[in-house]
Protein backbone atom coordinates (compact mmCIF):
# COMPACT_ATOMS: atom_id res chain seq x y z
CA MET A 1 -0.70 -16.03 -7.79
CA ALA A 2 0.98 -13.52 -5.50
CA PHE A 3 4.42 -14.37 -4.17
CA VAL A 4 4.89 -13.59 -0.48
CA PRO A 5 8.61 -13.32 0.29
CA THR A 6 8.52 -14.49 3.89
CA TYR A 7 6.47 -16.71 6.19
CA VAL A 8 6.46 -13.97 8.83
CA LEU A 9 4.78 -11.50 6.48
CA THR A 10 2.09 -14.09 5.65
CA VAL A 11 1.35 -14.76 9.31
CA THR A 12 1.35 -11.04 10.09
CA ILE A 13 -1.13 -10.32 7.29
CA LEU A 14 -3.47 -13.10 8.47
CA CYS A 15 -3.31 -11.88 12.06
CA LEU A 16 -3.91 -8.26 11.08
CA THR A 17 -6.82 -9.20 8.82
CA TRP A 18 -9.15 -9.68 11.75
CA ALA A 19 -7.59 -6.92 13.84
CA VAL A 20 -7.89 -4.22 11.15
CA LEU A 21 -11.27 -5.07 9.67
CA GLY A 22 -12.85 -7.43 12.15
CA GLN A 23 -13.07 -10.04 9.41
CA HIS A 24 -12.27 -13.63 10.13
CA PRO A 25 -9.54 -15.09 7.86
CA ARG A 26 -11.91 -17.88 6.74
CA ASP A 27 -14.36 -15.40 5.18
CA PRO A 28 -14.32 -15.39 1.37
CA ARG A 29 -11.66 -13.22 -0.22
CA GLY A 30 -12.88 -9.67 -0.70
CA SER A 31 -15.95 -10.12 1.47
CA ILE A 32 -16.67 -7.35 3.90
CA SER A 33 -19.50 -7.56 6.41
CA GLY A 34 -20.72 -10.79 4.90
CA ASP A 35 -22.45 -10.29 1.57
CA ARG A 36 -20.69 -7.18 0.27
CA ASN A 37 -17.59 -7.43 -1.92
CA VAL A 38 -15.11 -4.95 -3.37
CA ASP A 39 -17.27 -4.20 -6.45
CA ASP A 40 -20.24 -3.32 -4.21
CA ILE A 41 -18.08 -1.05 -2.09
CA LEU A 42 -16.58 0.76 -5.08
CA ARG A 43 -20.02 1.20 -6.64
CA LYS A 44 -21.93 2.27 -3.50
CA ASN A 45 -19.43 3.72 -1.08
CA LYS A 46 -18.49 7.32 -1.81
CA CYS A 47 -15.49 7.23 0.54
CA TRP A 48 -13.28 5.88 -2.27
CA CYS A 49 -11.41 8.14 -4.66
CA PRO A 50 -12.14 7.64 -8.34
CA CYS A 51 -10.02 5.02 -10.04
CA LYS A 52 -7.09 5.99 -12.22
CA PRO A 53 -6.45 3.40 -14.91
CA SER A 54 -2.90 2.63 -15.92
CA ALA A 55 -2.68 -0.04 -18.56
CA GLN A 56 -4.97 -2.52 -16.81
CA LYS A 57 -4.42 -1.32 -13.25
CA GLU A 58 -6.45 1.03 -11.07
CA TYR A 59 -5.33 2.73 -7.86
CA TYR A 60 -7.59 3.56 -4.90
CA ILE A 61 -7.10 5.46 -1.65
CA PRO A 62 -9.49 4.55 1.15
CA THR A 63 -10.21 8.02 2.48
CA LEU A 64 -11.33 6.98 5.95
CA GLN A 65 -8.49 4.58 6.73
CA LYS A 66 -5.07 5.08 8.31
CA THR A 67 -2.91 2.21 9.47
CA ASP A 68 0.65 0.95 9.63
CA TRP A 69 2.23 -0.63 6.54
CA PHE A 70 1.23 -4.19 7.53
CA GLY A 71 -2.35 -3.08 8.12
CA ALA A 72 -2.38 -1.42 4.68
CA VAL A 73 -1.27 -4.69 3.05
CA SER A 74 -3.98 -6.53 4.99
CA TYR A 75 -6.72 -3.98 4.25
CA CYS A 76 -6.04 -4.00 0.51
CA ALA A 77 -6.06 -7.82 0.46
CA ASN A 78 -9.34 -7.92 2.38
CA VAL A 79 -11.12 -5.83 -0.23
CA GLY A 80 -9.79 -7.97 -3.10
CA MET A 81 -6.89 -5.70 -4.00
CA GLU A 82 -3.18 -5.38 -3.26
CA ILE A 83 -1.05 -2.59 -1.85
CA ALA A 84 0.14 -0.41 -4.74
CA GLU A 85 3.22 -1.25 -6.75
CA VAL A 86 4.74 0.63 -9.67
CA LEU A 87 6.24 -1.35 -12.53
CA ASN A 88 6.59 1.31 -15.25
CA ARG A 89 6.47 5.08 -15.87
CA ALA A 90 2.77 5.03 -16.81
CA GLU A 91 1.94 3.44 -13.46
CA LEU A 92 4.14 5.98 -11.64
CA ASP A 93 2.21 8.79 -13.37
CA ALA A 94 -1.14 7.18 -12.49
CA LEU A 95 -0.05 6.81 -8.85
CA ARG A 96 0.97 10.48 -8.76
CA GLU A 97 -2.37 11.52 -10.25
CA THR A 98 -4.32 9.40 -7.76
CA ILE A 99 -2.44 10.90 -4.80
CA ASN A 100 -2.74 14.45 -6.22
CA GLU A 101 -6.51 14.09 -6.52
CA GLU A 102 -6.88 12.89 -2.93
CA GLN A 103 -8.86 15.41 -0.91
CA GLN A 104 -6.62 17.55 1.24
CA ASP A 105 -6.04 16.20 4.71
CA PRO A 106 -3.86 18.73 6.52
CA GLU A 107 -2.64 16.07 8.94
CA GLU A 108 -1.63 13.51 6.30
CA GLU A 109 1.43 14.01 4.15
CA PHE A 110 2.43 10.45 3.19
CA TYR A 111 0.78 7.38 1.63
CA TRP A 112 2.08 3.82 2.00
CA ILE A 113 2.93 1.87 -1.14
CA GLY A 114 4.19 -1.72 -1.38
CA ALA A 115 7.93 -1.03 -1.67
CA ASN A 116 9.93 -2.41 1.28
CA ASP A 117 13.29 -3.89 2.24
CA LEU A 118 11.99 -6.15 5.01
CA GLY A 119 13.55 -9.27 3.47
CA ASN A 120 17.01 -7.89 2.69
CA GLN A 121 18.13 -4.50 3.95
CA THR A 122 18.70 -1.95 1.15
CA VAL A 123 17.13 -4.25 -1.49
CA TYR A 124 13.64 -2.85 -2.08
CA ARG A 125 10.99 -5.22 -3.41
CA TRP A 126 7.24 -5.01 -3.99
CA ALA A 127 5.05 -6.64 -1.35
CA LEU A 128 2.71 -8.30 -3.86
CA THR A 129 5.13 -9.90 -6.28
CA GLY A 130 8.50 -9.80 -4.56
CA ARG A 131 9.89 -8.14 -7.70
CA LEU A 132 12.76 -5.71 -7.33
CA VAL A 133 11.79 -2.04 -7.28
CA GLU A 134 13.43 -0.86 -10.48
CA PRO A 135 15.39 2.42 -10.29
CA GLU A 136 13.61 3.87 -13.34
CA VAL A 137 10.24 3.85 -11.55
CA THR A 138 11.37 5.16 -8.17
CA ASN A 139 11.17 8.71 -6.99
CA TRP A 140 13.26 8.60 -3.80
CA ASP A 141 13.85 11.89 -2.02
CA LYS A 142 17.47 13.02 -1.65
CA GLY A 143 19.30 10.75 0.80
CA GLU A 144 16.51 8.15 0.77
CA PRO A 145 16.07 5.33 1.46
CA ASN A 146 18.29 5.60 4.51
CA ASN A 147 17.03 2.93 6.98
CA VAL A 148 17.40 5.39 9.89
CA ARG A 149 16.63 4.48 13.50
CA GLU A 150 15.26 6.99 16.00
CA SER A 151 17.28 5.33 18.76
CA ASP A 152 19.33 2.18 19.32
CA ASN A 153 16.21 0.35 20.51
CA SER A 154 13.83 1.47 17.76
CA PRO A 155 13.19 -0.41 14.52
CA MET A 156 14.83 0.64 11.28
CA GLU A 157 12.93 2.24 8.42
CA HIS A 158 11.97 -0.47 5.93
CA CYS A 159 8.70 0.60 4.25
CA ALA A 160 8.16 3.24 1.55
CA ALA A 161 5.60 6.02 1.48
CA VAL A 162 4.93 8.78 -1.06
CA ASN A 163 4.86 12.45 -0.01
CA LYS A 164 1.61 14.04 -1.22
CA GLU A 165 3.12 17.44 -1.98
CA THR A 166 6.47 16.51 -3.55
CA GLN A 167 5.64 12.97 -4.75
CA LYS A 168 9.03 11.89 -3.39
CA TRP A 169 9.44 8.48 -1.75
CA ILE A 170 10.75 8.18 1.80
CA ASP A 171 11.34 5.11 3.94
CA PHE A 172 9.66 4.98 7.35
CA GLN A 173 9.34 2.58 10.23
CA CYS A 174 6.63 0.18 9.09
CA ASN A 175 4.65 0.54 12.32
CA VAL A 176 3.75 4.23 11.75
CA SER A 177 0.11 4.96 10.89
CA LYS A 178 -0.48 6.55 7.46
CA LYS A 179 -2.98 6.56 4.63
CA PHE A 180 -2.22 4.13 1.80
CA VAL A 181 -2.84 3.25 -1.84
CA CYS A 182 -4.39 -0.03 -3.03
CA GLN A 183 -4.44 -1.35 -6.58
CA ARG A 184 -6.43 -3.84 -8.58
CA PHE A 185 -6.31 -5.07 -12.13
CA ARG A 186 -9.30 -4.33 -14.33
CA ASP A 187 -11.35 -7.16 -15.72
CA ASP A 188 -11.66 -5.56 -19.19
């Protein structure tokens, strides 16, 4: 069972569920437009990148979706997945490969992943499990994460995204719209 670190995040995800996908929170997990589920979408819908297995995990990038970090968490959950997390070097390599194989979008440079310090500033955890982001699996850019604010009234940067070209991680304000990476565990 997934551990959600805060009540606020849970409420936010439930509220964004309907807003992002138009799906009511009472609909069955993974259902989209009624009778379709994540397996149907992955089998029939060509807008998904091919899966990249890592141990028993696969990563996916919805090619037609851009949203803020909270919307990415909600979207992944609504299709029976989770926002991507990296727990070992093999998963980091698989994430890199998935992002590298994404079709070029000249306007998109970064992809949300589940790393964030929303619960405790400067302590990065994974959205799905609440586990600490271990230093050996990070790829922070120089000087990152830095929790910068654009102005005194703007929010701090708390959510991590991966740069497509350099594969470096950078923290951003969570309300910025970007592409994102989902994951699911194989049923092998």
